[in-house]
Amino acid sequence: MNPSPNRKPPSGTLFFIGTVSLFLLLSLGLLGYKLAMEHSKAQWEKVILSYQSAKTNEEKLKIAKAHLSNKQAAVWILQIAGSLYEKGAISEALSTFQFFLEHFPGHPLEAGAMLGAGECLESQGKTQEALLLYQRILEKKDTEAYRSLATLRLAQIRIQKKEYGPAKELLEKFLSHNARSPFANQAQMLLEMIPSS
């Protein structure tokens, strides 16, 4: 018997061939993806090693800025800004905090960068700009620790400017909502610095 040239394979065979082909394509795709991810992971490990071996904040900052698409870069930039501030390099720290704020809006550590920038601005005598940053922190909802610190900084600036009424109101409100806060003692001390009227 000669098989007919127009004869179709049984439908079960087509299903089997289709399933095997699909499985092979998916396997090759997953293998390619896995290889790409391993390559990416190896590349990132090299970046981490180069960051860790960098000797200066400038070298570290250069590495972090070259990898802004990675979440770790944001943390590095904030750490570098803090380190610069601790070393007394206030202008460089401020510029680094501001870089963070420009490149990572909405980041979970954004309020920390605002607080750091505010501290730098205060150190430079730019208290009005610092007040604005602290006020922005208070408007944020998910940053309770930062909000507490911003409240204390705002009150302290108000006291220094002899704006006792707003400082007292801010501190009393803080204490009424945060009596058990780790910052309650500091708030109470600031409140006691306000002369009685």
Protein backbone atom coordinates (compact mmCIF):
# COMPACT_ATOMS: atom_id res chain seq x y z
CA MET A 1 0.00 0.00 0.00
CA ASN A 2 1.14 3.41 -0.88
CA PRO A 3 0.27 5.99 1.68
CA SER A 4 -1.68 8.81 0.19
CA PRO A 5 0.31 12.06 -0.06
CA ASN A 6 -2.70 14.03 1.28
CA ARG A 7 -3.10 11.89 4.31
CA LYS A 8 -3.10 13.85 7.63
CA PRO A 9 -1.44 12.49 10.74
CA PRO A 10 -3.84 11.46 13.46
CA SER A 11 -4.94 14.35 15.68
CA GLY A 12 -3.31 12.78 18.77
CA THR A 13 0.03 12.88 16.97
CA LEU A 14 -0.40 16.57 16.14
CA PHE A 15 -1.25 17.32 19.74
CA PHE A 16 1.81 15.39 20.92
CA ILE A 17 4.11 17.15 18.42
CA GLY A 18 2.65 20.54 19.39
CA THR A 19 3.05 19.84 23.09
CA VAL A 20 6.65 18.67 22.69
CA SER A 21 7.48 21.69 20.52
CA LEU A 22 5.91 24.06 23.02
CA PHE A 23 7.76 22.38 25.88
CA LEU A 24 11.07 22.65 23.99
CA LEU A 25 10.48 26.32 23.20
CA LEU A 26 9.60 27.11 26.82
CA SER A 27 12.62 25.16 28.05
CA LEU A 28 14.94 27.02 25.70
CA GLY A 29 13.38 30.34 26.70
CA LEU A 30 13.74 29.57 30.41
CA LEU A 31 17.30 28.42 29.89
CA GLY A 32 18.11 31.65 28.05
CA TYR A 33 16.46 33.68 30.80
CA LYS A 34 18.34 31.78 33.51
CA LEU A 35 21.66 32.32 31.72
CA ALA A 36 20.93 36.03 31.32
CA MET A 37 20.01 36.31 35.02
CA GLU A 38 23.17 34.48 36.08
CA HIS A 39 25.23 36.80 33.88
CA SER A 40 23.44 39.80 35.35
CA LYS A 41 23.99 38.49 38.90
CA ALA A 42 27.69 37.94 38.18
CA GLN A 43 27.97 41.47 36.79
CA TRP A 44 26.24 42.92 39.86
CA GLU A 45 28.55 40.95 42.17
CA LYS A 46 31.49 42.64 40.41
CA VAL A 47 29.87 46.03 40.99
CA ILE A 48 29.40 45.25 44.70
CA LEU A 49 33.03 44.18 45.01
CA SER A 50 34.25 47.33 43.28
CA TYR A 51 32.06 49.46 45.57
CA GLN A 52 33.36 47.69 48.67
CA SER A 53 36.96 48.09 47.57
CA ALA A 54 36.56 51.79 46.72
CA LYS A 55 38.64 53.82 49.14
CA THR A 56 36.98 57.23 48.95
CA ASN A 57 33.43 58.50 49.03
CA GLU A 58 34.02 60.04 45.60
CA GLU A 59 34.89 56.62 44.13
CA LYS A 60 31.89 55.01 45.81
CA LEU A 61 29.58 57.77 44.62
CA LYS A 62 30.81 57.36 41.05
CA ILE A 63 30.03 53.63 41.19
CA ALA A 64 26.59 54.22 42.72
CA LYS A 65 25.70 56.88 40.14
CA ALA A 66 26.70 54.52 37.33
CA HIS A 67 24.10 51.99 38.55
CA LEU A 68 21.06 54.11 39.40
CA SER A 69 18.68 51.49 38.01
CA ASN A 70 19.58 49.15 40.86
CA LYS A 71 17.82 49.66 44.20
CA GLN A 72 21.08 49.24 46.11
CA ALA A 73 22.47 52.40 44.50
CA ALA A 74 19.91 54.50 46.38
CA VAL A 75 21.03 53.04 49.71
CA TRP A 76 24.68 53.59 48.82
CA ILE A 77 24.06 57.22 47.87
CA LEU A 78 22.28 57.88 51.16
CA GLN A 79 25.10 56.18 53.11
CA ILE A 80 27.69 58.28 51.29
CA ALA A 81 25.75 61.47 52.04
CA GLY A 82 25.61 60.54 55.73
CA SER A 83 29.31 59.76 55.78
CA LEU A 84 30.13 63.10 54.15
CA TYR A 85 27.98 64.89 56.73
CA GLU A 86 29.70 63.10 59.62
CA LYS A 87 33.10 64.11 58.22
CA GLY A 88 32.00 67.75 58.11
CA ALA A 89 31.85 67.95 54.31
CA ILE A 90 28.49 69.72 54.54
CA SER A 91 28.30 71.09 50.97
CA GLU A 92 29.15 67.70 49.47
CA ALA A 93 26.71 65.96 51.79
CA LEU A 94 23.94 68.39 50.86
CA SER A 95 24.61 67.92 47.18
CA THR A 96 24.50 64.13 47.63
CA PHE A 97 21.24 64.24 49.63
CA GLN A 98 19.75 66.47 46.93
CA PHE A 99 20.94 64.07 44.22
CA PHE A 100 19.12 61.28 46.05
CA LEU A 101 15.94 63.37 46.27
CA GLU A 102 16.08 64.20 42.55
CA HIS A 103 16.71 60.64 41.38
CA PHE A 104 14.65 58.60 43.84
CA PRO A 105 11.37 60.43 44.44
CA GLY A 106 8.96 58.35 46.48
CA HIS A 107 11.72 56.03 47.70
CA PRO A 108 11.06 54.61 51.20
CA LEU A 109 14.16 56.45 52.44
CA GLU A 110 13.18 59.78 50.85
CA ALA A 111 12.23 61.30 54.21
CA GLY A 112 15.66 60.33 55.57
CA ALA A 113 17.31 62.16 52.70
CA MET A 114 15.09 65.19 53.38
CA LEU A 115 16.08 65.10 57.03
CA GLY A 116 19.77 64.89 56.10
CA ALA A 117 19.45 67.74 53.61
CA GLY A 118 17.66 69.79 56.26
CA GLU A 119 20.48 69.20 58.74
CA CYS A 120 23.00 70.32 56.10
CA LEU A 121 20.98 73.44 55.32
CA GLU A 122 20.78 74.26 59.03
CA SER A 123 24.56 73.84 59.30
CA GLN A 124 24.92 76.37 56.49
CA GLY A 125 22.58 78.81 58.24
CA LYS A 126 19.78 78.27 55.71
CA THR A 127 17.11 77.63 58.30
CA GLN A 128 14.19 78.73 56.14
CA GLU A 129 15.06 76.11 53.50
CA ALA A 130 15.50 73.52 56.26
CA LEU A 131 12.08 74.41 57.67
CA LEU A 132 10.50 73.76 54.28
CA LEU A 133 12.10 70.32 54.06
CA TYR A 134 11.04 69.40 57.59
CA GLN A 135 7.51 70.56 56.77
CA ARG A 136 7.49 68.25 53.72
CA ILE A 137 8.47 65.34 55.96
CA LEU A 138 5.53 66.07 58.25
CA GLU A 139 3.20 65.86 55.24
CA LYS A 140 4.34 62.31 54.51
CA LYS A 141 2.24 59.53 56.00
CA ASP A 142 4.47 56.45 56.25
CA THR A 143 7.54 57.87 57.92
CA GLU A 144 6.75 58.09 61.63
CA ALA A 145 10.35 58.11 62.92
CA TYR A 146 11.37 60.74 60.38
CA ARG A 147 8.26 62.76 61.16
CA SER A 148 9.16 62.72 64.85
CA LEU A 149 12.68 63.96 64.15
CA ALA A 150 11.38 66.59 61.74
CA THR A 151 8.94 67.82 64.39
CA LEU A 152 11.75 68.19 66.90
CA ARG A 153 13.97 69.99 64.37
CA LEU A 154 11.13 72.34 63.42
CA ALA A 155 10.44 73.13 67.07
CA GLN A 156 14.11 73.72 67.77
CA ILE A 157 14.42 76.16 64.85
CA ARG A 158 11.25 77.96 65.95
CA ILE A 159 12.67 78.31 69.48
CA GLN A 160 15.97 79.64 68.11
CA LYS A 161 14.01 82.19 66.07
CA LYS A 162 12.05 83.08 69.23
CA GLU A 163 8.83 81.90 67.56
CA TYR A 164 7.66 80.41 70.83
CA GLY A 165 3.93 80.14 70.08
CA PRO A 166 4.29 77.88 67.00
CA ALA A 167 7.05 75.86 68.71
CA LYS A 168 4.93 75.29 71.80
CA GLU A 169 1.90 74.28 69.73
CA LEU A 170 3.99 71.85 67.67
CA LEU A 171 5.56 70.23 70.74
CA GLU A 172 2.32 69.97 72.70
CA LYS A 173 0.61 68.34 69.72
CA PHE A 174 3.55 65.95 69.34
CA LEU A 175 3.48 64.99 73.02
CA SER A 176 -0.30 64.50 73.05
CA HIS A 177 0.00 61.92 70.25
CA ASN A 178 3.41 60.46 71.12
CA ALA A 179 3.66 60.36 74.91
CA ARG A 180 5.41 56.98 74.77
CA SER A 181 7.64 57.84 71.83
CA PRO A 182 11.41 57.46 72.26
CA PHE A 183 11.51 61.15 71.30
CA ALA A 184 9.06 62.29 74.00
CA ASN A 185 11.85 63.25 76.43
CA GLN A 186 13.51 65.44 73.81
CA ALA A 187 10.19 67.08 73.00
CA GLN A 188 9.60 67.74 76.70
CA MET A 189 13.08 69.27 77.08
CA LEU A 190 12.42 71.57 74.13
CA LEU A 191 9.06 72.53 75.59
CA GLU A 192 10.77 73.46 78.85
CA MET A 193 13.16 75.76 76.93
CA ILE A 194 10.22 77.97 75.93
CA PRO A 195 9.87 80.92 78.30
CA SER A 196 6.51 81.16 80.05
CA SER A 197 4.43 84.06 78.95
